[in-house]
Amino acid sequence: MKKGFIYIITNKNKTTLYIGVTSNLEGRILQHKCGVGSIFTSKYHLTELMYFEELDDIESAIRREKQLKNWHRDWKWNLIQSSNQQLRDLAADWYSAEELELFKKHNVL
């Protein structure tokens, strides 16, 4: 069975949070970093991965996503800081500049 992931991304100023679900975390974050795949995340420049969880299956990930979306903003930040105290982009070194540019040009995973 395919794993599922929930993730939380933000912008450089950390003013907006977005919670998403996917079965391919690396591919989905690449889309966000290149500004494709979501009008909302593109509009607010949400590219920095703050938090993620791997779950046993996509259905569990969807349930967890819905749970987190109902949380207060402070609770979400507390969750993020429990594993990412420096609030750094966890995917900052996942892709080279060449990979990002190639994806932007050809929109291919």
N, C-alpha and C. Protein backbone atom coordinates (compact mmCIF):
# COMPACT_ATOMS: atom_id res chain seq x y z
N MET A 1 0.84 -1.18 0.00
CA MET A 1 0.00 0.00 0.00
C MET A 1 0.89 1.25 0.00
N LYS A 2 0.45 2.26 -0.73
CA LYS A 2 1.22 3.49 -0.88
C LYS A 2 1.17 4.34 0.39
N LYS A 3 2.34 4.85 0.78
CA LYS A 3 2.43 5.74 1.94
C LYS A 3 1.74 7.07 1.63
N GLY A 4 1.40 7.79 2.68
CA GLY A 4 0.84 9.12 2.55
C GLY A 4 1.64 10.09 3.40
N PHE A 5 1.63 11.33 3.03
CA PHE A 5 2.33 12.37 3.77
C PHE A 5 1.40 13.55 3.98
N ILE A 6 1.51 14.17 5.14
CA ILE A 6 0.94 15.51 5.32
C ILE A 6 2.13 16.43 5.48
N TYR A 7 1.96 17.67 5.06
CA TYR A 7 3.06 18.62 5.14
C TYR A 7 2.51 20.01 5.40
N ILE A 8 3.38 20.83 5.98
CA ILE A 8 3.04 22.23 6.22
C ILE A 8 4.12 23.07 5.58
N ILE A 9 3.69 24.01 4.73
CA ILE A 9 4.63 24.93 4.09
C ILE A 9 4.24 26.36 4.44
N THR A 10 5.21 27.25 4.26
CA THR A 10 4.99 28.66 4.53
C THR A 10 5.82 29.49 3.56
N ASN A 11 5.71 30.81 3.69
CA ASN A 11 6.51 31.72 2.86
C ASN A 11 7.74 32.18 3.64
N LYS A 12 8.58 32.99 3.01
CA LYS A 12 9.82 33.44 3.65
C LYS A 12 9.57 34.21 4.94
N ASN A 13 8.49 35.00 4.98
CA ASN A 13 8.18 35.79 6.18
C ASN A 13 7.39 35.00 7.22
N LYS A 14 7.03 33.78 6.88
CA LYS A 14 6.30 32.88 7.79
C LYS A 14 4.96 33.46 8.26
N THR A 15 4.26 34.09 7.32
CA THR A 15 2.98 34.72 7.64
C THR A 15 1.77 33.88 7.26
N THR A 16 1.95 32.93 6.37
CA THR A 16 0.85 32.09 5.91
C THR A 16 1.26 30.63 5.99
N LEU A 17 0.35 29.80 6.47
CA LEU A 17 0.59 28.35 6.52
C LEU A 17 -0.34 27.65 5.55
N TYR A 18 0.15 26.57 4.97
CA TYR A 18 -0.66 25.72 4.09
C TYR A 18 -0.40 24.28 4.50
N ILE A 19 -1.46 23.52 4.70
CA ILE A 19 -1.36 22.10 5.03
C ILE A 19 -1.83 21.31 3.83
N GLY A 20 -1.00 20.38 3.38
CA GLY A 20 -1.34 19.57 2.23
C GLY A 20 -1.13 18.10 2.49
N VAL A 21 -1.60 17.29 1.56
CA VAL A 21 -1.46 15.84 1.63
C VAL A 21 -1.00 15.34 0.26
N THR A 22 -0.16 14.31 0.27
CA THR A 22 0.36 13.77 -0.98
C THR A 22 0.88 12.36 -0.76
N SER A 23 1.04 11.63 -1.84
CA SER A 23 1.71 10.33 -1.76
C SER A 23 3.16 10.44 -2.23
N ASN A 24 3.54 11.61 -2.75
CA ASN A 24 4.89 11.85 -3.26
C ASN A 24 5.39 13.19 -2.71
N LEU A 25 5.96 13.17 -1.53
CA LEU A 25 6.34 14.42 -0.86
C LEU A 25 7.39 15.19 -1.65
N GLU A 26 8.43 14.54 -2.10
CA GLU A 26 9.50 15.25 -2.82
C GLU A 26 8.97 15.90 -4.10
N GLY A 27 8.15 15.17 -4.81
CA GLY A 27 7.58 15.72 -6.05
C GLY A 27 6.64 16.88 -5.78
N ARG A 28 5.84 16.77 -4.74
CA ARG A 28 4.88 17.84 -4.43
C ARG A 28 5.59 19.10 -3.95
N ILE A 29 6.63 18.94 -3.14
CA ILE A 29 7.37 20.12 -2.67
C ILE A 29 8.10 20.78 -3.84
N LEU A 30 8.60 19.98 -4.77
CA LEU A 30 9.21 20.53 -5.97
C LEU A 30 8.20 21.40 -6.72
N GLN A 31 6.98 20.93 -6.86
CA GLN A 31 5.94 21.73 -7.51
C GLN A 31 5.74 23.06 -6.79
N HIS A 32 5.64 23.01 -5.47
CA HIS A 32 5.46 24.24 -4.70
C HIS A 32 6.64 25.19 -4.90
N LYS A 33 7.85 24.67 -4.86
CA LYS A 33 9.03 25.52 -5.00
C LYS A 33 9.09 26.18 -6.37
N CYS A 34 8.48 25.54 -7.36
CA CYS A 34 8.48 26.08 -8.72
C CYS A 34 7.20 26.85 -9.04
N GLY A 35 6.31 26.97 -8.07
CA GLY A 35 5.10 27.79 -8.25
C GLY A 35 4.04 27.16 -9.12
N VAL A 36 4.01 25.82 -9.19
CA VAL A 36 2.98 25.15 -10.00
C VAL A 36 2.18 24.20 -9.12
N GLY A 37 0.98 23.89 -9.56
CA GLY A 37 0.17 22.89 -8.89
C GLY A 37 -0.84 23.41 -7.90
N SER A 38 -0.73 24.67 -7.49
CA SER A 38 -1.68 25.22 -6.53
C SER A 38 -1.72 26.73 -6.68
N ILE A 39 -2.89 27.25 -6.99
CA ILE A 39 -3.05 28.70 -7.14
C ILE A 39 -2.78 29.41 -5.82
N PHE A 40 -3.31 28.86 -4.72
CA PHE A 40 -3.14 29.48 -3.41
C PHE A 40 -1.68 29.57 -3.00
N THR A 41 -0.96 28.45 -3.12
CA THR A 41 0.44 28.45 -2.68
C THR A 41 1.30 29.32 -3.60
N SER A 42 0.96 29.39 -4.87
CA SER A 42 1.69 30.26 -5.79
C SER A 42 1.44 31.73 -5.45
N LYS A 43 0.19 32.06 -5.20
CA LYS A 43 -0.19 33.44 -4.90
C LYS A 43 0.55 33.98 -3.67
N TYR A 44 0.69 33.14 -2.64
CA TYR A 44 1.32 33.57 -1.39
C TYR A 44 2.77 33.12 -1.26
N HIS A 45 3.34 32.61 -2.36
CA HIS A 45 4.76 32.21 -2.40
C HIS A 45 5.12 31.24 -1.27
N LEU A 46 4.29 30.23 -1.10
CA LEU A 46 4.51 29.24 -0.06
C LEU A 46 5.43 28.14 -0.61
N THR A 47 6.69 28.20 -0.21
CA THR A 47 7.70 27.29 -0.77
C THR A 47 8.55 26.61 0.29
N GLU A 48 8.45 27.03 1.54
CA GLU A 48 9.34 26.50 2.57
C GLU A 48 8.64 25.41 3.38
N LEU A 49 9.22 24.21 3.35
CA LEU A 49 8.67 23.07 4.08
C LEU A 49 9.06 23.18 5.55
N MET A 50 8.05 23.32 6.40
CA MET A 50 8.28 23.49 7.83
C MET A 50 8.12 22.18 8.60
N TYR A 51 7.25 21.29 8.09
CA TYR A 51 6.89 20.10 8.86
C TYR A 51 6.30 19.07 7.92
N PHE A 52 6.53 17.79 8.22
CA PHE A 52 5.84 16.73 7.50
C PHE A 52 5.75 15.49 8.36
N GLU A 53 4.77 14.67 8.06
CA GLU A 53 4.59 13.37 8.71
C GLU A 53 4.38 12.34 7.62
N GLU A 54 4.98 11.17 7.79
CA GLU A 54 4.72 10.03 6.91
C GLU A 54 3.72 9.12 7.60
N LEU A 55 2.67 8.76 6.88
CA LEU A 55 1.64 7.88 7.42
C LEU A 55 1.57 6.60 6.59
N ASP A 56 0.93 5.59 7.16
CA ASP A 56 0.91 4.27 6.53
C ASP A 56 0.21 4.23 5.18
N ASP A 57 -0.79 5.07 4.99
CA ASP A 57 -1.53 5.07 3.73
C ASP A 57 -2.13 6.45 3.50
N ILE A 58 -2.59 6.68 2.29
CA ILE A 58 -3.10 8.00 1.91
C ILE A 58 -4.38 8.35 2.66
N GLU A 59 -5.20 7.35 2.98
CA GLU A 59 -6.43 7.63 3.72
C GLU A 59 -6.12 8.17 5.11
N SER A 60 -5.12 7.61 5.77
CA SER A 60 -4.68 8.11 7.08
C SER A 60 -4.13 9.52 6.96
N ALA A 61 -3.42 9.78 5.89
CA ALA A 61 -2.87 11.12 5.67
C ALA A 61 -3.99 12.14 5.47
N ILE A 62 -5.02 11.76 4.73
CA ILE A 62 -6.15 12.67 4.52
C ILE A 62 -6.85 12.97 5.83
N ARG A 63 -7.04 11.96 6.66
CA ARG A 63 -7.66 12.18 7.98
C ARG A 63 -6.81 13.12 8.83
N ARG A 64 -5.51 12.91 8.83
CA ARG A 64 -4.61 13.76 9.61
C ARG A 64 -4.62 15.20 9.07
N GLU A 65 -4.64 15.35 7.76
CA GLU A 65 -4.70 16.69 7.16
C GLU A 65 -5.95 17.43 7.63
N LYS A 66 -7.08 16.76 7.59
CA LYS A 66 -8.34 17.39 8.03
C LYS A 66 -8.27 17.77 9.51
N GLN A 67 -7.66 16.90 10.31
CA GLN A 67 -7.51 17.20 11.74
C GLN A 67 -6.68 18.47 11.93
N LEU A 68 -5.52 18.54 11.26
CA LEU A 68 -4.63 19.69 11.43
C LEU A 68 -5.24 20.97 10.89
N LYS A 69 -6.02 20.88 9.83
CA LYS A 69 -6.65 22.08 9.28
C LYS A 69 -7.65 22.69 10.25
N ASN A 70 -8.16 21.90 11.18
CA ASN A 70 -9.10 22.41 12.19
C ASN A 70 -8.39 22.99 13.42
N TRP A 71 -7.10 22.84 13.50
CA TRP A 71 -6.35 23.35 14.64
C TRP A 71 -6.21 24.86 14.58
N HIS A 72 -6.03 25.48 15.75
CA HIS A 72 -5.71 26.90 15.82
C HIS A 72 -4.30 27.12 15.29
N ARG A 73 -4.07 28.32 14.81
CA ARG A 73 -2.76 28.66 14.25
C ARG A 73 -1.62 28.40 15.25
N ASP A 74 -1.81 28.78 16.51
CA ASP A 74 -0.78 28.58 17.53
C ASP A 74 -0.45 27.10 17.70
N TRP A 75 -1.46 26.25 17.65
CA TRP A 75 -1.24 24.81 17.79
C TRP A 75 -0.37 24.30 16.63
N LYS A 76 -0.65 24.81 15.43
CA LYS A 76 0.13 24.41 14.25
C LYS A 76 1.59 24.82 14.41
N TRP A 77 1.82 26.05 14.87
CA TRP A 77 3.20 26.51 15.07
C TRP A 77 3.89 25.71 16.17
N ASN A 78 3.16 25.35 17.22
CA ASN A 78 3.75 24.51 18.27
C ASN A 78 4.15 23.15 17.72
N LEU A 79 3.32 22.58 16.85
CA LEU A 79 3.64 21.30 16.22
C LEU A 79 4.91 21.44 15.38
N ILE A 80 4.97 22.47 14.58
CA ILE A 80 6.14 22.71 13.73
C ILE A 80 7.39 22.84 14.59
N GLN A 81 7.33 23.66 15.63
CA GLN A 81 8.50 23.92 16.45
C GLN A 81 8.92 22.71 17.29
N SER A 82 8.01 21.75 17.49
CA SER A 82 8.37 20.55 18.24
C SER A 82 9.45 19.73 17.54
N SER A 83 9.54 19.86 16.22
CA SER A 83 10.55 19.10 15.48
C SER A 83 11.45 19.99 14.62
N ASN A 84 11.14 21.27 14.53
CA ASN A 84 11.90 22.19 13.68
C ASN A 84 12.05 23.52 14.43
N GLN A 85 12.84 23.50 15.49
CA GLN A 85 12.95 24.67 16.36
C GLN A 85 13.53 25.89 15.66
N GLN A 86 14.40 25.70 14.69
CA GLN A 86 14.99 26.82 13.97
C GLN A 86 14.09 27.35 12.85
N LEU A 87 12.98 26.68 12.62
CA LEU A 87 12.03 27.05 11.56
C LEU A 87 12.74 27.18 10.21
N ARG A 88 13.58 26.21 9.93
CA ARG A 88 14.29 26.22 8.65
C ARG A 88 13.49 25.44 7.61
N ASP A 89 13.77 25.71 6.37
CA ASP A 89 13.14 24.99 5.26
C ASP A 89 13.74 23.58 5.22
N LEU A 90 12.94 22.59 5.56
CA LEU A 90 13.42 21.21 5.62
C LEU A 90 13.81 20.66 4.25
N ALA A 91 13.32 21.29 3.19
CA ALA A 91 13.63 20.83 1.83
C ALA A 91 14.61 21.77 1.13
N ALA A 92 15.30 22.59 1.88
CA ALA A 92 16.20 23.58 1.27
C ALA A 92 17.28 22.95 0.39
N ASP A 93 17.72 21.76 0.75
CA ASP A 93 18.80 21.13 -0.03
C ASP A 93 18.33 19.88 -0.79
N TRP A 94 17.05 19.75 -1.00
CA TRP A 94 16.53 18.58 -1.72
C TRP A 94 16.78 18.66 -3.23
N TYR A 95 16.88 19.87 -3.78
CA TYR A 95 16.96 20.05 -5.24
C TYR A 95 18.10 21.00 -5.57
N SER A 96 18.77 20.72 -6.65
CA SER A 96 19.80 21.64 -7.13
C SER A 96 19.13 22.77 -7.91
N ALA A 97 19.86 23.84 -8.13
CA ALA A 97 19.34 24.96 -8.92
C ALA A 97 18.99 24.49 -10.33
N GLU A 98 19.78 23.56 -10.85
CA GLU A 98 19.53 23.04 -12.20
C GLU A 98 18.21 22.25 -12.25
N GLU A 99 17.98 21.43 -11.21
CA GLU A 99 16.73 20.66 -11.16
C GLU A 99 15.52 21.59 -11.10
N LEU A 100 15.61 22.63 -10.28
CA LEU A 100 14.50 23.58 -10.17
C LEU A 100 14.25 24.29 -11.50
N GLU A 101 15.32 24.70 -12.15
CA GLU A 101 15.17 25.39 -13.44
C GLU A 101 14.60 24.47 -14.51
N LEU A 102 15.08 23.24 -14.55
CA LEU A 102 14.58 22.26 -15.52
C LEU A 102 13.09 22.00 -15.30
N PHE A 103 12.70 21.85 -14.05
CA PHE A 103 11.29 21.61 -13.75
C PHE A 103 10.44 22.81 -14.14
N LYS A 104 10.93 24.02 -13.87
CA LYS A 104 10.18 25.23 -14.22
C LYS A 104 9.97 25.30 -15.74
N LYS A 105 10.99 24.91 -16.50
CA LYS A 105 10.91 24.98 -17.97
C LYS A 105 9.98 23.91 -18.54
N HIS A 106 10.11 22.68 -18.00
CA HIS A 106 9.42 21.55 -18.61
C HIS A 106 8.28 20.99 -17.78
N ASN A 107 8.17 21.41 -16.52
CA ASN A 107 7.09 20.99 -15.64
C ASN A 107 6.96 19.47 -15.57
N VAL A 108 8.12 18.81 -15.41
CA VAL A 108 8.16 17.35 -15.39
C VAL A 108 8.81 16.90 -14.09
N LEU A 109 8.19 15.90 -13.44
CA LEU A 109 8.77 15.32 -12.22
C LEU A 109 9.78 14.26 -12.59
